[in-house]
Amino acid sequence: MDKSEYEQYGDISITDTGYGFKVAPEKMDDSDGGCGGCGGGCGH
């Protein structure tokens, strides 16, 4: 990750879900799709 990507996304968290790993940026842009910043694995 370069400096401009870090400024755009912030820290990245990697979480073991028990079924694999979830990689989620701290700052999720709504324009990136996803589901409101939950990093993809949401049940909302």
Protein backbone atom coordinates (compact mmCIF):
# COMPACT_ATOMS: atom_id res chain seq x y z
CA MET A 1 0.00 0.00 0.00
CA ASP A 2 1.44 3.36 -0.95
CA LYS A 3 0.93 6.69 0.85
CA SER A 4 -1.98 7.85 -1.34
CA GLU A 5 -3.85 4.56 -0.84
CA TYR A 6 -3.29 4.79 2.92
CA GLU A 7 -4.66 8.35 2.94
CA GLN A 8 -7.73 7.14 0.99
CA TYR A 9 -8.46 3.94 2.94
CA GLY A 10 -6.72 4.28 6.32
CA ASP A 11 -5.65 1.27 8.34
CA ILE A 12 -6.63 -2.18 7.11
CA SER A 13 -8.02 -4.74 9.53
CA ILE A 14 -7.71 -8.49 8.93
CA THR A 15 -10.15 -10.59 10.94
CA ASP A 16 -10.34 -14.39 11.16
CA THR A 17 -14.06 -15.13 10.84
CA GLY A 18 -13.70 -18.86 11.42
CA TYR A 19 -14.56 -19.42 7.73
CA GLY A 20 -11.70 -17.40 6.29
CA PHE A 21 -10.33 -13.92 6.60
CA LYS A 22 -12.15 -10.60 6.22
CA VAL A 23 -9.98 -7.73 5.02
CA ALA A 24 -11.60 -4.34 5.55
CA PRO A 25 -10.32 -0.78 5.18
CA GLU A 26 -10.95 1.68 8.01
CA LYS A 27 -12.36 4.26 5.59
CA MET A 28 -14.73 2.61 3.14
CA ASP A 29 -16.02 4.89 0.38
CA ASP A 30 -19.73 4.44 -0.34
CA SER A 31 -18.87 4.75 -4.04
CA ASP A 32 -16.89 1.47 -3.80
CA GLY A 33 -20.10 -0.54 -3.49
CA GLY A 34 -19.99 -2.79 -0.47
CA CYS A 35 -22.67 -2.35 2.15
CA GLY A 36 -22.19 0.78 4.17
CA GLY A 37 -18.62 0.11 5.24
CA CYS A 38 -19.04 -3.34 6.70
CA GLY A 39 -16.29 -4.76 4.51
CA GLY A 40 -18.45 -7.24 2.63
CA GLY A 41 -19.47 -9.80 5.24
CA CYS A 42 -22.57 -8.14 6.60
CA GLY A 43 -25.96 -9.51 7.46
CA HIS A 44 -27.79 -6.15 7.35
